[in-house]
N, C-alpha and C. Protein backbone atom coordinates (compact mmCIF):
# COMPACT_ATOMS: atom_id res chain seq x y z
N UNK A 1 144.57 89.99 103.37
CA UNK A 1 143.40 90.51 102.14
C UNK A 1 142.72 91.87 102.74
N UNK A 2 142.35 92.76 102.15
CA UNK A 2 141.63 93.71 102.67
C UNK A 2 140.07 93.22 102.45
N UNK A 3 138.90 93.49 102.96
CA UNK A 3 137.37 92.77 102.41
C UNK A 3 137.11 94.43 101.58
N UNK A 4 136.71 93.12 100.42
CA UNK A 4 135.96 94.19 99.16
C UNK A 4 134.69 94.59 99.55
N UNK A 5 134.36 96.00 99.30
CA UNK A 5 133.12 96.33 100.07
C UNK A 5 131.88 96.57 98.57
N UNK A 6 131.42 95.57 98.46
CA UNK A 6 130.30 95.03 97.25
C UNK A 6 129.42 96.20 97.10
N UNK A 7 129.12 97.01 98.11
CA UNK A 7 127.77 97.67 98.35
C UNK A 7 126.59 96.74 98.69
N UNK A 8 126.66 95.47 99.07
CA UNK A 8 125.64 94.64 99.42
C UNK A 8 125.10 94.10 97.94
N UNK A 9 123.85 93.79 98.13
CA UNK A 9 122.81 93.03 97.33
C UNK A 9 122.00 94.14 96.51
N UNK A 10 122.46 94.03 94.75
CA UNK A 10 121.80 95.01 94.57
C UNK A 10 120.18 95.03 93.79
N UNK A 11 119.49 93.77 94.78
CA UNK A 11 118.25 93.49 94.03
C UNK A 11 117.97 92.62 95.74
N UNK A 12 118.29 93.58 96.72
CA UNK A 12 117.60 92.31 97.79
C UNK A 12 116.45 91.42 97.85
N UNK A 13 116.34 90.18 97.99
CA UNK A 13 115.60 89.44 98.33
C UNK A 13 115.76 88.37 98.81
N UNK A 14 115.10 88.31 100.24
CA UNK A 14 116.02 87.24 100.92
C UNK A 14 114.51 86.47 101.18
N UNK A 15 113.64 86.04 100.36
CA UNK A 15 112.61 84.89 99.89
C UNK A 15 113.18 83.85 98.87
N UNK A 16 114.41 84.40 98.33
CA UNK A 16 114.30 83.60 97.42
C UNK A 16 115.38 82.79 97.59
N UNK A 17 115.62 81.41 97.74
CA UNK A 17 116.32 80.63 98.24
C UNK A 17 117.39 79.41 96.62
N UNK A 18 118.07 78.70 96.68
CA UNK A 18 118.58 77.95 95.73
C UNK A 18 118.38 76.75 96.50
N UNK A 19 117.96 75.92 95.42
CA UNK A 19 117.87 74.57 95.89
C UNK A 19 119.39 73.33 95.48
N UNK A 20 119.66 72.92 96.22
CA UNK A 20 120.93 72.43 96.15
C UNK A 20 120.15 70.50 95.43
N UNK A 21 121.48 69.49 95.88
CA UNK A 21 121.24 68.67 95.52
C UNK A 21 120.35 67.78 96.28
N UNK A 22 119.51 66.97 95.59
CA UNK A 22 118.09 66.35 96.08
C UNK A 22 116.99 66.81 96.66
N UNK A 23 116.88 68.13 96.21
CA UNK A 23 116.01 69.48 96.38
C UNK A 23 116.32 70.37 98.04
N UNK A 24 117.38 70.30 98.26
CA UNK A 24 117.75 70.74 99.68
C UNK A 24 118.02 71.94 99.34
N UNK A 25 117.63 73.10 100.78
CA UNK A 25 118.16 74.35 100.16
C UNK A 25 119.48 75.11 100.58
N UNK A 26 119.44 75.84 99.84
CA UNK A 26 120.86 76.32 100.20
C UNK A 26 120.96 77.32 100.45
N UNK A 27 122.03 78.07 100.96
CA UNK A 27 121.42 79.65 101.40
C UNK A 27 121.07 80.33 100.71
N UNK A 28 119.83 81.43 101.56
CA UNK A 28 119.17 82.44 100.38
C UNK A 28 119.93 83.31 99.39
N UNK A 29 119.93 83.26 98.31
CA UNK A 29 120.32 83.91 97.25
C UNK A 29 120.10 85.39 97.54
N UNK A 30 121.51 86.13 97.57
CA UNK A 30 121.44 87.62 97.39
C UNK A 30 121.44 88.18 95.85
N UNK A 31 121.75 87.10 95.10
CA UNK A 31 122.00 87.71 94.08
C UNK A 31 123.35 89.03 93.48
N UNK A 32 122.78 89.12 92.69
CA UNK A 32 123.94 89.88 92.30
C UNK A 32 124.40 91.45 93.24
N UNK A 33 125.24 91.49 93.23
CA UNK A 33 125.80 92.80 94.38
C UNK A 33 125.76 94.19 93.53
N UNK A 34 125.81 94.89 94.46
CA UNK A 34 125.97 96.32 94.26
C UNK A 34 126.79 96.73 93.26
N UNK A 35 128.06 96.27 93.53
CA UNK A 35 129.12 96.75 92.72
C UNK A 35 129.42 95.89 91.85
N UNK A 36 128.82 94.66 91.67
CA UNK A 36 128.63 93.77 89.81
C UNK A 36 127.66 94.98 89.29
N UNK A 37 126.27 95.30 89.87
CA UNK A 37 125.65 96.09 89.25
C UNK A 37 125.66 97.08 88.63
N UNK A 38 126.88 98.03 88.99
CA UNK A 38 127.34 99.23 88.82
C UNK A 38 128.35 99.21 87.72
N UNK A 39 129.27 98.47 88.16
CA UNK A 39 130.70 98.03 87.16
C UNK A 39 129.76 97.27 85.46
N UNK A 40 128.75 96.26 85.75
CA UNK A 40 127.85 95.92 84.79
C UNK A 40 127.33 97.32 83.81
N UNK A 41 126.71 98.27 84.29
CA UNK A 41 126.41 99.42 83.82
C UNK A 41 127.73 100.17 83.46
N UNK A 42 128.52 100.51 84.06
CA UNK A 42 129.76 101.29 83.57
C UNK A 42 130.15 100.80 82.16
N UNK A 43 130.54 99.36 82.27
CA UNK A 43 130.90 98.62 81.22
C UNK A 43 130.35 98.51 80.05
N UNK A 44 128.55 98.87 80.36
CA UNK A 44 128.10 98.90 79.24
C UNK A 44 127.96 100.49 78.31
N UNK A 45 127.97 101.25 79.16
CA UNK A 45 128.28 102.86 78.47
C UNK A 45 129.70 102.28 78.10
N UNK A 46 130.82 101.86 78.16
CA UNK A 46 131.77 102.23 78.03
C UNK A 46 132.22 101.44 76.54
N UNK A 47 131.00 100.45 76.46
CA UNK A 47 130.92 99.43 75.74
C UNK A 47 130.65 100.42 74.23
N UNK A 48 129.69 101.25 74.69
CA UNK A 48 128.61 101.14 73.52
C UNK A 48 129.41 102.59 72.58
N UNK A 49 130.27 102.99 73.14
CA UNK A 49 131.22 103.86 72.36
C UNK A 49 132.90 102.86 72.20
N UNK A 50 132.49 101.73 72.37
CA UNK A 50 133.82 101.40 72.01
C UNK A 50 134.58 101.76 71.07
N UNK A 51 134.24 102.41 69.98
CA UNK A 51 135.45 102.73 68.79
C UNK A 51 135.91 103.93 69.62
N UNK A 52 135.36 104.62 69.78
CA UNK A 52 135.76 105.86 70.68
C UNK A 52 136.60 105.95 72.23
N UNK A 53 136.11 105.05 72.84
CA UNK A 53 136.44 104.89 74.23
C UNK A 53 138.21 104.41 74.54
N UNK A 54 139.11 105.15 75.09
CA UNK A 54 140.58 104.20 75.27
C UNK A 54 140.11 104.39 77.04
N UNK A 55 140.64 102.90 77.00
CA UNK A 55 140.31 102.88 78.86
C UNK A 55 142.11 103.33 79.26
N UNK A 56 142.04 103.95 80.21
CA UNK A 56 143.29 104.96 81.33
C UNK A 56 144.44 103.70 81.31
N UNK A 57 144.41 102.18 81.42
CA UNK A 57 145.30 101.68 81.33
C UNK A 57 145.28 101.05 80.54
N UNK A 58 145.84 101.78 79.26
CA UNK A 58 145.96 101.09 77.76
C UNK A 58 147.29 99.91 77.50
N UNK A 59 148.04 99.92 78.51
CA UNK A 59 149.24 99.15 78.33
C UNK A 59 148.99 97.66 78.59
N UNK A 60 147.80 97.06 78.66
CA UNK A 60 147.39 96.04 79.02
C UNK A 60 146.51 95.58 78.28
N UNK A 61 145.86 94.36 77.77
CA UNK A 61 145.07 94.11 77.20
C UNK A 61 143.56 94.65 77.12
N UNK A 62 143.09 95.38 76.26
CA UNK A 62 142.13 96.28 76.07
C UNK A 62 140.56 95.45 76.61
N UNK A 63 140.01 94.53 76.44
CA UNK A 63 139.33 93.60 77.69
C UNK A 63 139.55 94.18 79.12
N UNK A 64 140.51 93.40 79.32
CA UNK A 64 141.13 93.42 81.06
C UNK A 64 140.95 95.06 81.10
N UNK A 65 141.82 95.76 80.50
CA UNK A 65 141.49 97.05 80.97
C UNK A 65 140.60 98.00 81.06
N UNK A 66 139.81 97.79 79.70
CA UNK A 66 138.13 97.99 80.00
C UNK A 66 137.38 97.56 81.26
N UNK A 67 137.66 96.23 81.64
CA UNK A 67 137.03 95.64 82.84
C UNK A 67 137.31 96.34 83.85
N UNK A 68 138.78 96.10 84.12
CA UNK A 68 139.11 96.79 85.47
C UNK A 68 138.66 98.18 85.66
N UNK A 69 138.45 99.33 85.04
CA UNK A 69 138.62 100.43 84.78
C UNK A 69 136.92 100.18 84.93
N UNK A 70 135.96 99.70 84.96
CA UNK A 70 134.32 99.50 85.07
C UNK A 70 134.51 99.08 86.51
N UNK A 71 135.39 98.27 87.36
CA UNK A 71 134.97 97.90 88.70
C UNK A 71 135.86 98.93 89.03
N UNK A 72 136.63 99.67 88.74
CA UNK A 72 136.87 101.01 89.47
C UNK A 72 136.26 102.44 89.62
N UNK A 73 135.11 102.20 88.65
CA UNK A 73 133.90 103.30 88.84
C UNK A 73 132.93 102.94 89.88
N UNK A 74 133.10 101.45 89.85
CA UNK A 74 131.78 101.00 91.00
C UNK A 74 131.93 101.77 92.56
N UNK A 75 133.53 100.94 92.37
CA UNK A 75 133.86 101.24 94.04
C UNK A 75 134.04 102.70 94.11
N UNK A 76 134.45 103.52 92.88
CA UNK A 76 134.71 104.81 93.70
C UNK A 76 132.93 105.25 93.87
N UNK A 77 132.05 105.01 93.33
CA UNK A 77 130.52 105.23 93.66
C UNK A 77 130.17 104.65 94.71
N UNK A 78 130.45 103.46 95.14
CA UNK A 78 130.39 102.94 96.70
C UNK A 78 130.95 103.53 97.33
N UNK A 79 131.96 104.17 97.63
CA UNK A 79 132.80 105.20 98.31
C UNK A 79 132.08 106.51 98.42
N UNK A 80 131.83 107.18 97.18
CA UNK A 80 131.20 108.12 97.19
C UNK A 80 129.78 108.07 98.00
N UNK A 81 129.04 107.25 97.60
CA UNK A 81 127.66 107.19 98.34
C UNK A 81 127.61 106.92 100.11
N UNK A 82 128.60 105.79 99.86
CA UNK A 82 129.27 105.74 101.53
C UNK A 82 129.12 107.68 102.27
N UNK A 83 130.15 108.38 101.53
CA UNK A 83 130.33 109.61 102.17
C UNK A 83 129.36 110.11 102.26
N UNK A 84 128.81 110.50 101.07
CA UNK A 84 127.46 111.16 101.30
C UNK A 84 126.41 110.77 101.98
N UNK A 85 125.96 109.33 102.46
CA UNK A 85 125.04 108.86 103.75
C UNK A 85 125.64 109.23 104.48
N UNK A 86 127.28 109.21 105.07
CA UNK A 86 127.59 109.50 106.25
C UNK A 86 127.24 111.10 106.55
N UNK A 87 127.99 111.86 105.44
CA UNK A 87 127.82 113.50 106.18
C UNK A 87 126.74 113.43 105.97
N UNK A 88 125.13 113.50 105.41
CA UNK A 88 123.98 113.53 105.81
C UNK A 88 123.73 113.19 107.00
N UNK A 89 123.91 111.73 107.59
CA UNK A 89 123.91 111.50 109.01
C UNK A 89 124.05 112.37 110.08
N UNK A 90 124.99 112.92 109.87
CA UNK A 90 126.23 113.86 110.98
C UNK A 90 125.66 114.73 110.73
N UNK A 91 124.85 115.57 109.43
CA UNK A 91 124.22 116.86 109.46
C UNK A 91 122.89 116.99 110.20
N UNK A 92 122.29 115.94 109.99
CA UNK A 92 121.16 115.24 110.65
C UNK A 92 120.79 115.42 112.47
N UNK A 93 122.06 114.47 112.83
CA UNK A 93 122.37 114.75 114.11
C UNK A 93 122.75 115.92 114.88
N UNK A 94 123.06 117.17 113.95
CA UNK A 94 124.50 118.13 114.78
C UNK A 94 123.03 118.83 114.96
N UNK A 95 123.46 119.56 116.11
CA UNK A 95 122.41 120.85 116.97
C UNK A 95 121.85 121.50 116.02
N UNK A 96 120.39 122.49 115.98
CA UNK A 96 120.37 123.11 115.05
C UNK A 96 120.70 124.49 115.80
N UNK A 97 121.00 125.75 115.22
CA UNK A 97 121.19 126.88 115.76
C UNK A 97 120.30 127.90 115.00
N UNK A 98 120.15 128.63 115.19
CA UNK A 98 119.79 129.75 114.91
C UNK A 98 120.57 130.57 114.54
N UNK A 99 120.05 130.75 112.69
CA UNK A 99 121.82 131.69 111.95
C UNK A 99 121.58 133.23 112.35
N UNK A 100 120.83 134.22 112.62
CA UNK A 100 120.41 135.09 113.58
C UNK A 100 121.43 135.51 114.22
N UNK A 101 120.89 134.77 115.57
CA UNK A 101 121.48 135.34 116.67
C UNK A 101 122.14 134.01 117.33
N UNK A 102 122.22 132.57 116.90
CA UNK A 102 123.26 131.58 117.51
C UNK A 102 122.50 130.91 118.54
N UNK A 103 121.35 130.77 118.88
CA UNK A 103 120.51 130.31 120.13
C UNK A 103 120.04 128.80 119.54
N UNK A 104 119.71 128.06 120.64
CA UNK A 104 119.44 126.82 120.30
C UNK A 104 118.13 126.36 119.33
N UNK A 105 118.28 125.95 118.86
CA UNK A 105 116.43 126.10 117.59
C UNK A 105 115.63 124.84 118.57
N UNK A 106 116.18 124.30 119.36
CA UNK A 106 114.91 123.05 119.93
C UNK A 106 113.95 123.48 120.85
N UNK A 107 112.65 124.05 120.61
CA UNK A 107 112.32 123.58 119.71
C UNK A 107 112.22 124.88 118.58
N UNK A 108 112.45 125.93 118.71
CA UNK A 108 112.27 126.70 118.04
C UNK A 108 113.46 127.92 118.28
N UNK A 109 113.53 128.93 118.15
CA UNK A 109 114.32 130.25 118.21
C UNK A 109 113.60 131.03 119.46
N UNK A 110 114.63 131.22 120.71
CA UNK A 110 113.70 131.65 121.37
C UNK A 110 113.27 133.59 120.84
N UNK A 111 114.01 134.23 120.41
CA UNK A 111 113.96 135.06 119.54
C UNK A 111 112.63 135.35 118.90
N UNK A 112 112.19 134.23 117.92
CA UNK A 112 111.52 134.30 116.82
C UNK A 112 112.25 134.59 115.40
N UNK A 113 113.08 133.83 115.33
CA UNK A 113 114.36 134.01 114.04
C UNK A 113 113.43 132.50 113.57
N UNK A 114 113.42 132.63 112.33
CA UNK A 114 113.34 131.27 111.45
C UNK A 114 114.38 130.30 111.40
N UNK A 115 114.31 129.07 111.30
CA UNK A 115 115.72 128.35 110.79
C UNK A 115 115.76 128.42 109.47
N UNK A 116 116.89 128.54 108.80
CA UNK A 116 117.02 128.31 107.17
C UNK A 116 117.35 127.01 107.10
N UNK A 117 116.69 126.21 106.40
CA UNK A 117 117.46 124.91 106.15
C UNK A 117 118.90 124.88 105.06
N UNK A 118 119.97 124.12 105.31
CA UNK A 118 121.42 124.75 104.13
C UNK A 118 121.08 123.37 103.93
N UNK A 119 120.56 122.42 104.31
CA UNK A 119 120.64 121.08 103.71
C UNK A 119 119.77 120.48 102.41
């Protein structure tokens, strides 16, 4: 089974520990995952218009369909955030060249042109 990307903790706090039987500390509690947080908010939005909202998979029970759709929204947002983050990192690490003459812009254009930021 593929591992589900939960996006990590929604509210990371490494100082919070759960206590087990007899007061023994358990693993640090990371709380709600980002996936659950986004899905919850998507579900709230859908439920706020429950009389007008129609789930895509209407062939199943309404509650199941709307819950699954909220999770699909969360998964899509996590993927989009990862794509955005990775494309931004690629753009930041790309060599900068002058838009006018194509010269290397490290530390600046040797011909005195200015770098136009496109990101």
